[in-house]
PDB file of N, CA and C in Angstrom:
ATOM      1  N   MET A   1     -65.665  88.382  28.378  1.00  0.00           N
ATOM      2  CA  MET A   1     -64.372  87.672  27.987  1.00  0.00           C
ATOM      3  C   MET A   1     -64.445  87.078  26.800  1.00  0.00           C
ATOM      4  N   SER A   2     -63.543  87.312  25.954  1.00  0.00           N
ATOM      5  CA  SER A   2     -63.254  86.837  24.707  1.00  0.00           C
ATOM      6  C   SER A   2     -62.445  85.617  24.587  1.00  0.00           C
ATOM      7  N   HIS A   3     -62.734  84.559  23.914  1.00  0.00           N
ATOM      8  CA  HIS A   3     -62.094  83.180  23.813  1.00  0.00           C
ATOM      9  C   HIS A   3     -61.165  83.267  22.680  1.00  0.00           C
ATOM     10  N   ILE A   4     -59.837  82.586  22.871  1.00  0.00           N
ATOM     11  CA  ILE A   4     -59.065  82.519  21.881  1.00  0.00           C
ATOM     12  C   ILE A   4     -59.014  81.257  21.460  1.00  0.00           C
ATOM     13  N   VAL A   5     -59.290  81.266  19.684  1.00  0.00           N
ATOM     14  CA  VAL A   5     -59.442  79.719  19.211  1.00  0.00           C
ATOM     15  C   VAL A   5     -58.473  79.863  18.236  1.00  0.00           C
ATOM     16  N   THR A   6     -58.288  78.757  17.630  1.00  0.00           N
ATOM     17  CA  THR A   6     -57.404  78.229  16.422  1.00  0.00           C
ATOM     18  C   THR A   6     -58.082  78.640  15.136  1.00  0.00           C
ATOM     19  N   ALA A   7     -57.460  78.992  14.069  1.00  0.00           N
ATOM     20  CA  ALA A   7     -58.028  79.013  12.813  1.00  0.00           C
ATOM     21  C   ALA A   7     -57.964  77.908  12.062  1.00  0.00           C
ATOM     22  N   GLN A   8     -57.283  76.853  12.526  1.00  0.00           N
ATOM     23  CA  GLN A   8     -57.252  75.495  11.792  1.00  0.00           C
ATOM     24  C   GLN A   8     -57.941  74.423  12.803  1.00  0.00           C
ATOM     25  N   ASP A   9     -58.352  73.379  12.133  1.00  0.00           N
ATOM     26  CA  ASP A   9     -58.840  72.368  12.721  1.00  0.00           C
ATOM     27  C   ASP A   9     -57.828  71.607  13.730  1.00  0.00           C
ATOM     28  N   ALA A  10     -58.295  71.120  14.812  1.00  0.00           N
ATOM     29  CA  ALA A  10     -57.400  70.494  15.603  1.00  0.00           C
ATOM     30  C   ALA A  10     -56.642  69.204  15.104  1.00  0.00           C
ATOM     31  N   VAL A  11     -55.452  68.868  15.560  1.00  0.00           N
ATOM     32  CA  VAL A  11     -54.848  67.715  14.704  1.00  0.00           C
ATOM     33  C   VAL A  11     -54.953  66.654  15.825  1.00  0.00           C
ATOM     34  N   THR A  12     -55.465  65.619  15.578  1.00  0.00           N
ATOM     35  CA  THR A  12     -55.806  64.326  16.263  1.00  0.00           C
ATOM     36  C   THR A  12     -54.985  62.998  15.690  1.00  0.00           C
ATOM     37  N   ALA A  13     -54.779  62.276  16.597  1.00  0.00           N
ATOM     38  CA  ALA A  13     -54.107  61.116  16.291  1.00  0.00           C
ATOM     39  C   ALA A  13     -54.930  59.881  15.359  1.00  0.00           C
ATOM     40  N   SER A  14     -56.135  60.355  15.264  1.00  0.00           N
ATOM     41  CA  SER A  14     -57.162  59.453  14.501  1.00  0.00           C
ATOM     42  C   SER A  14     -57.369  60.172  13.250  1.00  0.00           C
ATOM     43  N   ALA A  15     -56.472  61.142  12.841  1.00  0.00           N
ATOM     44  CA  ALA A  15     -56.697  61.385  11.469  1.00  0.00           C
ATOM     45  C   ALA A  15     -56.405  60.353  10.536  1.00  0.00           C
ATOM     46  N   ASP A  16     -57.127  60.505   9.438  1.00  0.00           N
ATOM     47  CA  ASP A  16     -56.682  59.542   8.380  1.00  0.00           C
ATOM     48  C   ASP A  16     -55.492  59.609   7.680  1.00  0.00           C
ATOM     49  N   TRP A  17     -54.927  60.631   7.534  1.00  0.00           N
ATOM     50  CA  TRP A  17     -53.675  60.869   6.883  1.00  0.00           C
ATOM     51  C   TRP A  17     -52.311  60.466   7.982  1.00  0.00           C
ATOM     52  N   THR A  18     -52.675  60.109   9.194  1.00  0.00           N
ATOM     53  CA  THR A  18     -51.558  59.728   9.942  1.00  0.00           C
ATOM     54  C   THR A  18     -50.920  58.515   9.956  1.00  0.00           C
ATOM     55  N   GLU A  19     -51.507  57.588   8.977  1.00  0.00           N
ATOM     56  CA  GLU A  19     -51.128  56.292   8.827  1.00  0.00           C
ATOM     57  C   GLU A  19     -50.372  56.508   7.712  1.00  0.00           C
ATOM     58  N   PRO A  20     -49.351  55.477   7.339  1.00  0.00           N
ATOM     59  CA  PRO A  20     -48.206  55.604   6.081  1.00  0.00           C
ATOM     60  C   PRO A  20     -49.246  54.546   5.122  1.00  0.00           C
ATOM     61  N   THR A  21     -49.227  55.126   4.111  1.00  0.00           N
ATOM     62  CA  THR A  21     -49.673  54.610   2.731  1.00  0.00           C
ATOM     63  C   THR A  21     -49.066  53.302   2.323  1.00  0.00           C
ATOM     64  N   ASP A  22     -49.824  52.529   1.517  1.00  0.00           N
ATOM     65  CA  ASP A  22     -49.214  51.124   0.987  1.00  0.00           C
ATOM     66  C   ASP A  22     -48.098  51.542   0.399  1.00  0.00           C
ATOM     67  N   ALA A  23     -47.743  52.768  -0.565  1.00  0.00           N
ATOM     68  CA  ALA A  23     -46.683  52.826  -1.319  1.00  0.00           C
ATOM     69  C   ALA A  23     -45.609  53.174  -0.122  1.00  0.00           C
ATOM     70  N   GLU A  24     -45.867  53.961   0.801  1.00  0.00           N
ATOM     71  CA  GLU A  24     -44.844  54.164   1.953  1.00  0.00           C
ATOM     72  C   GLU A  24     -44.413  52.959   2.426  1.00  0.00           C
ATOM     73  N   LEU A  25     -45.234  52.245   2.938  1.00  0.00           N
ATOM     74  CA  LEU A  25     -44.869  50.772   3.556  1.00  0.00           C
ATOM     75  C   LEU A  25     -43.834  49.969   2.624  1.00  0.00           C
ATOM     76  N   ASP A  26     -44.350  50.050   1.223  1.00  0.00           N
ATOM     77  CA  ASP A  26     -43.404  49.221   0.340  1.00  0.00           C
ATOM     78  C   ASP A  26     -42.097  49.923   0.031  1.00  0.00           C
ATOM     79  N   ALA A  27     -41.923  51.256  -0.029  1.00  0.00           N
ATOM     80  CA  ALA A  27     -40.648  51.994   0.203  1.00  0.00           C
ATOM     81  C   ALA A  27     -39.993  51.663   1.315  1.00  0.00           C
ATOM     82  N   ILE A  28     -40.345  51.590   2.233  1.00  0.00           N
ATOM     83  CA  ILE A  28     -39.735  51.343   3.620  1.00  0.00           C
ATOM     84  C   ILE A  28     -39.174  49.932   3.604  1.00  0.00           C
ATOM     85  N   GLU A  29     -40.071  49.040   3.037  1.00  0.00           N
ATOM     86  CA  GLU A  29     -39.663  47.658   2.925  1.00  0.00           C
ATOM     87  C   GLU A  29     -38.411  47.359   1.946  1.00  0.00           C
ATOM     88  N   THR A  30     -38.350  48.094   0.994  1.00  0.00           N
ATOM     89  CA  THR A  30     -37.292  48.194  -0.186  1.00  0.00           C
ATOM     90  C   THR A  30     -36.020  48.570   0.436  1.00  0.00           C
ATOM     91  N   GLU A  31     -36.254  49.947   1.248  1.00  0.00           N
ATOM     92  CA  GLU A  31     -35.053  50.479   1.900  1.00  0.00           C
ATOM     93  C   GLU A  31     -34.531  49.766   3.021  1.00  0.00           C
ATOM     94  N   MET A  32     -35.235  48.727   3.520  1.00  0.00           N
ATOM     95  CA  MET A  32     -34.842  48.142   4.764  1.00  0.00           C
ATOM     96  C   MET A  32     -33.449  47.365   5.009  1.00  0.00           C
ATOM     97  N   PRO A  33     -32.961  47.039   3.869  1.00  0.00           N
ATOM     98  CA  PRO A  33     -31.592  46.458   4.016  1.00  0.00           C
ATOM     99  C   PRO A  33     -30.489  47.754   4.198  1.00  0.00           C
ATOM    100  N   VAL A  34     -30.639  49.012   3.688  1.00  0.00           N
ATOM    101  CA  VAL A  34     -30.006  50.030   3.890  1.00  0.00           C
ATOM    102  C   VAL A  34     -30.171  50.474   5.410  1.00  0.00           C
ATOM    103  N   ILE A  35     -31.399  50.496   5.718  1.00  0.00           N
ATOM    104  CA  ILE A  35     -31.567  50.872   7.072  1.00  0.00           C
ATOM    105  C   ILE A  35     -30.754  50.071   7.960  1.00  0.00           C
ATOM    106  N   LEU A  36     -31.114  48.753   7.842  1.00  0.00           N
ATOM    107  CA  LEU A  36     -30.330  48.021   8.750  1.00  0.00           C
ATOM    108  C   LEU A  36     -28.876  48.037   8.779  1.00  0.00           C
ATOM    109  N   ALA A  37     -28.238  48.241   7.467  1.00  0.00           N
ATOM    110  CA  ALA A  37     -26.799  48.244   7.094  1.00  0.00           C
ATOM    111  C   ALA A  37     -26.344  49.576   8.263  1.00  0.00           C
ATOM    112  N   ASP A  38     -26.869  50.669   7.804  1.00  0.00           N
ATOM    113  CA  ASP A  38     -26.814  51.918   8.583  1.00  0.00           C
ATOM    114  C   ASP A  38     -26.822  51.658   9.894  1.00  0.00           C
ATOM    115  N   LEU A  39     -27.732  51.111  10.331  1.00  0.00           N
ATOM    116  CA  LEU A  39     -27.910  50.703  11.989  1.00  0.00           C
ATOM    117  C   LEU A  39     -26.413  50.058  12.478  1.00  0.00           C
ATOM    118  N   GLU A  40     -26.027  49.158  11.581  1.00  0.00           N
ATOM    119  CA  GLU A  40     -25.148  48.355  12.080  1.00  0.00           C
ATOM    120  C   GLU A  40     -23.668  49.161  12.157  1.00  0.00           C
ATOM    121  N   LEU A  41     -23.811  50.120  11.152  1.00  0.00           N
ATOM    122  CA  LEU A  41     -22.385  50.932  11.142  1.00  0.00           C
ATOM    123  C   LEU A  41     -22.725  51.914  12.084  1.00  0.00           C
ATOM    124  N   LEU A  42     -23.785  52.403  12.568  1.00  0.00           N
ATOM    125  CA  LEU A  42     -23.700  53.234  13.591  1.00  0.00           C
ATOM    126  C   LEU A  42     -23.589  52.656  14.973  1.00  0.00           C
ATOM    127  N   ASP A  43     -23.908  51.576  15.148  1.00  0.00           N
ATOM    128  CA  ASP A  43     -23.692  50.464  16.269  1.00  0.00           C
ATOM    129  C   ASP A  43     -22.045  50.398  16.410  1.00  0.00           C
ATOM    130  N   ALA A  44     -21.519  50.236  15.231  1.00  0.00           N
ATOM    131  CA  ALA A  44     -20.148  49.993  15.375  1.00  0.00           C
ATOM    132  C   ALA A  44     -19.336  51.355  15.684  1.00  0.00           C
ATOM    133  N   HIS A  45     -19.831  52.282  15.209  1.00  0.00           N
ATOM    134  CA  HIS A  45     -19.246  53.924  15.702  1.00  0.00           C
ATOM    135  C   HIS A  45     -19.498  53.942  17.151  1.00  0.00           C
ATOM    136  N   ILE A  46     -20.382  53.770  17.690  1.00  0.00           N
ATOM    137  CA  ILE A  46     -20.900  53.817  18.817  1.00  0.00           C
ATOM    138  C   ILE A  46     -19.940  53.073  19.947  1.00  0.00           C
ATOM    139  N   ALA A  47     -19.838  51.790  19.458  1.00  0.00           N
ATOM    140  CA  ALA A  47     -18.943  50.919  20.389  1.00  0.00           C
ATOM    141  C   ALA A  47     -17.317  51.558  20.604  1.00  0.00           C
ATOM    142  N   THR A  48     -17.180  52.463  19.606  1.00  0.00           N
ATOM    143  CA  THR A  48     -15.754  52.914  19.622  1.00  0.00           C
ATOM    144  C   THR A  48     -15.700  54.563  20.228  1.00  0.00           C
ATOM    145  N   LEU A  49     -16.701  54.964  20.543  1.00  0.00           N
ATOM    146  CA  LEU A  49     -16.870  56.383  20.907  1.00  0.00           C
ATOM    147  C   LEU A  49     -15.980  56.614  22.445  1.00  0.00           C
ATOM    148  N   ASP A  50     -15.952  55.807  23.352  1.00  0.00           N
ATOM    149  CA  ASP A  50     -15.358  55.908  24.637  1.00  0.00           C
ATOM    150  C   ASP A  50     -13.964  55.273  24.571  1.00  0.00           C
ATOM    151  N   ARG A  51     -13.551  54.564  23.724  1.00  0.00           N
ATOM    152  CA  ARG A  51     -12.143  54.020  23.803  1.00  0.00           C
ATOM    153  C   ARG A  51     -11.507  54.224  22.353  1.00  0.00           C
ATOM    154  N   THR A  52     -10.147  54.188  22.650  1.00  0.00           N
ATOM    155  CA  THR A  52      -9.477  53.810  21.150  1.00  0.00           C
ATOM    156  C   THR A  52      -9.731  52.579  20.507  1.00  0.00           C
ATOM    157  N   PRO A  53     -10.250  52.596  19.042  1.00  0.00           N
ATOM    158  CA  PRO A  53     -10.593  51.490  18.510  1.00  0.00           C
ATOM    159  C   PRO A  53      -9.431  50.258  18.449  1.00  0.00           C
ATOM    160  N   SER A  54      -9.758  49.411  18.593  1.00  0.00           N
ATOM    161  CA  SER A  54      -8.541  48.281  18.579  1.00  0.00           C
ATOM    162  C   SER A  54      -8.902  47.659  16.991  1.00  0.00           C
ATOM    163  N   GLU A  55      -7.975  46.836  16.805  1.00  0.00           N
ATOM    164  CA  GLU A  55      -7.832  46.244  15.365  1.00  0.00           C
ATOM    165  C   GLU A  55      -9.112  45.412  15.210  1.00  0.00           C
ATOM    166  N   LEU A  56      -9.849  44.775  16.218  1.00  0.00           N
ATOM    167  CA  LEU A  56     -10.993  44.068  15.814  1.00  0.00           C
ATOM    168  C   LEU A  56     -12.325  45.396  15.548  1.00  0.00           C
ATOM    169  N   ASP A  57     -11.925  46.398  16.390  1.00  0.00           N
ATOM    170  CA  ASP A  57     -13.171  47.338  16.208  1.00  0.00           C
ATOM    171  C   ASP A  57     -13.061  48.037  14.854  1.00  0.00           C
ATOM    172  N   LYS A  58     -11.793  48.331  14.301  1.00  0.00           N
ATOM    173  CA  LYS A  58     -11.383  48.660  12.916  1.00  0.00           C
ATOM    174  C   LYS A  58     -11.904  47.799  11.896  1.00  0.00           C
ATOM    175  N   ARG A  59     -11.918  46.486  12.178  1.00  0.00           N
ATOM    176  CA  ARG A  59     -12.347  45.470  11.142  1.00  0.00           C
ATOM    177  C   ARG A  59     -13.889  45.653  11.030  1.00  0.00           C
ATOM    178  N   ARG A  60     -14.287  45.632  12.219  1.00  0.00           N
ATOM    179  CA  ARG A  60     -15.910  46.064  12.474  1.00  0.00           C
ATOM    180  C   ARG A  60     -16.397  46.961  11.590  1.00  0.00           C
ATOM    181  N   LEU A  61     -15.614  48.283  11.908  1.00  0.00           N
ATOM    182  CA  LEU A  61     -16.046  49.252  11.190  1.00  0.00           C
ATOM    183  C   LEU A  61     -15.835  49.318   9.391  1.00  0.00           C
ATOM    184  N   ARG A  62     -14.820  48.568   9.011  1.00  0.00           N
ATOM    185  CA  ARG A  62     -14.590  48.576   7.831  1.00  0.00           C
ATOM    186  C   ARG A  62     -15.592  47.631   7.016  1.00  0.00           C
ATOM    187  N   ARG A  63     -16.218  46.363   7.927  1.00  0.00           N
ATOM    188  CA  ARG A  63     -17.084  45.532   7.509  1.00  0.00           C
ATOM    189  C   ARG A  63     -18.644  46.133   7.506  1.00  0.00           C
ATOM    190  N   ALA A  64     -18.930  46.956   8.210  1.00  0.00           N
ATOM    191  CA  ALA A  64     -19.848  47.606   8.365  1.00  0.00           C
ATOM    192  C   ALA A  64     -20.171  48.861   7.257  1.00  0.00           C
ATOM    193  N   ARG A  65     -18.894  49.596   7.169  1.00  0.00           N
ATOM    194  CA  ARG A  65     -19.037  50.233   5.981  1.00  0.00           C
ATOM    195  C   ARG A  65     -19.305  49.574   4.625  1.00  0.00           C
ATOM    196  N   ARG A  66     -18.534  48.735   4.353  1.00  0.00           N
ATOM    197  CA  ARG A  66     -18.824  47.706   3.284  1.00  0.00           C
ATOM    198  C   ARG A  66     -20.241  47.450   2.815  1.00  0.00           C
ATOM    199  N   ARG A  67     -20.822  46.910   4.004  1.00  0.00           N
ATOM    200  CA  ARG A  67     -22.292  46.338   3.999  1.00  0.00           C
ATOM    201  C   ARG A  67     -23.175  47.409   3.672  1.00  0.00           C
ATOM    202  N   ALA A  68     -22.991  48.832   4.194  1.00  0.00           N
ATOM    203  CA  ALA A  68     -23.746  49.866   4.171  1.00  0.00           C
ATOM    204  C   ALA A  68     -23.729  50.295   2.532  1.00  0.00           C
ATOM    205  N   LEU A  69     -22.423  50.359   2.231  1.00  0.00           N
ATOM    206  CA  LEU A  69     -22.041  50.723   0.609  1.00  0.00           C
ATOM    207  C   LEU A  69     -22.802  49.712  -0.125  1.00  0.00           C
ATOM    208  N   ALA A  70     -22.657  48.540  -0.001  1.00  0.00           N
ATOM    209  CA  ALA A  70     -23.333  47.371  -0.780  1.00  0.00           C
ATOM    210  C   ALA A  70     -24.898  47.494  -0.718  1.00  0.00           C
ATOM    211  N   ALA A  71     -25.250  47.817   0.281  1.00  0.00           N
ATOM    212  CA  ALA A  71     -26.834  47.704   0.463  1.00  0.00           C
ATOM    213  C   ALA A  71     -27.451  49.071  -0.469  1.00  0.00           C
ATOM    214  N   ARG A  72     -26.582  50.306  -0.350  1.00  0.00           N
ATOM    215  CA  ARG A  72     -26.886  51.182  -1.198  1.00  0.00           C
ATOM    216  C   ARG A  72     -26.728  51.033  -2.453  1.00  0.00           C
ATOM    217  N   LEU A  73     -25.661  50.287  -2.834  1.00  0.00           N
ATOM    218  CA  LEU A  73     -25.448  50.097  -4.260  1.00  0.00           C
ATOM    219  C   LEU A  73     -26.806  49.159  -4.719  1.00  0.00           C
ATOM    220  N   GLU A  74     -27.224  48.110  -3.968  1.00  0.00           N
ATOM    221  CA  GLU A  74     -28.094  47.420  -4.574  1.00  0.00           C
ATOM    222  C   GLU A  74     -29.330  48.174  -4.651  1.00  0.00           C
ATOM    223  N   LEU A  75     -29.829  49.117  -3.648  1.00  0.00           N
ATOM    224  CA  LEU A  75     -30.824  49.807  -3.883  1.00  0.00           C
ATOM    225  C   LEU A  75     -30.952  50.718  -4.971  1.00  0.00           C
ATOM    226  N   THR A  76     -29.811  51.274  -5.534  1.00  0.00           N
ATOM    227  CA  THR A  76     -29.552  52.162  -6.559  1.00  0.00           C
ATOM    228  C   THR A  76     -29.826  51.436  -7.634  1.00  0.00           C
ATOM    229  N   ASN A  77     -29.026  50.272  -7.871  1.00  0.00           N
ATOM    230  CA  ASN A  77     -29.610  49.403  -8.983  1.00  0.00           C
ATOM    231  C   ASN A  77     -30.842  48.864  -9.162  1.00  0.00           C
ATOM    232  N   LEU A  78     -31.520  48.650  -8.027  1.00  0.00           N
ATOM    233  CA  LEU A  78     -32.872  48.386  -8.023  1.00  0.00           C
ATOM    234  C   LEU A  78     -33.683  49.591  -8.390  1.00  0.00           C
ATOM    235  N   SER A  79     -33.376  50.641  -7.912  1.00  0.00           N
ATOM    236  CA  SER A  79     -34.166  51.993  -8.410  1.00  0.00           C
ATOM    237  C   SER A  79     -33.952  52.094  -9.920  1.00  0.00           C
ATOM    238  N   ALA A  80     -32.700  51.984 -10.392  1.00  0.00           N
ATOM    239  CA  ALA A  80     -32.433  52.367 -11.917  1.00  0.00           C
ATOM    240  C   ALA A  80     -32.967  51.253 -12.812  1.00  0.00           C
ATOM    241  N   THR A  81     -33.283  50.062 -12.330  1.00  0.00           N
ATOM    242  CA  THR A  81     -33.905  48.959 -12.993  1.00  0.00           C
ATOM    243  C   THR A  81     -35.408  49.161 -13.030  1.00  0.00           C
ATOM    244  N   ALA A  82     -35.886  49.695 -11.953  1.00  0.00           N
ATOM    245  CA  ALA A  82     -37.420  50.009 -12.034  1.00  0.00           C
ATOM    246  C   ALA A  82     -37.713  51.080 -12.723  1.00  0.00           C
ATOM    247  N   ALA A  83     -36.872  52.148 -12.875  1.00  0.00           N
ATOM    248  CA  ALA A  83     -36.950  53.286 -13.902  1.00  0.00           C
ATOM    249  C   ALA A  83     -36.672  53.024 -15.203  1.00  0.00           C
ATOM    250  N   GLY A  84     -36.034  51.998 -15.691  1.00  0.00           N
ATOM    251  CA  GLY A  84     -35.759  51.552 -16.975  1.00  0.00           C
ATOM    252  C   GLY A  84     -34.455  52.025 -17.575  1.00  0.00           C
ATOM    253  N   VAL A  85     -33.657  52.441 -16.379  1.00  0.00           N
ATOM    254  CA  VAL A  85     -32.399  52.744 -16.981  1.00  0.00           C
ATOM    255  C   VAL A  85     -31.256  51.689 -16.734  1.00  0.00           C
ATOM    256  N   SER A  86     -30.601  51.335 -17.856  1.00  0.00           N
ATOM    257  CA  SER A  86     -29.546  50.052 -17.761  1.00  0.00           C
ATOM    258  C   SER A  86     -28.618  50.716 -16.912  1.00  0.00           C
ATOM    259  N   ALA A  87     -27.653  49.946 -16.269  1.00  0.00           N
ATOM    260  CA  ALA A  87     -26.672  50.186 -15.131  1.00  0.00           C
ATOM    261  C   ALA A  87     -25.441  49.951 -16.065  1.00  0.00           C
TER     262      ALA A  87
END
């Protein structure tokens, strides 16, 4: 009886490359305000899925959109400054 084996090494959870690098962790930390603002916007959308949005829901959505846009703008400006481009 012949055995079937893979041509590649087994992928394990203990491989060195499975952990994020310091640069990747720094990038996540830099993008965290955008991630949190997007989560807030997503929460606002989820809250209105099963009902007609009230005026309060509409305000919450507008605020969440503005925060998400402001966070993205800040990240873009930060990236442009780091790249040496003047805004």
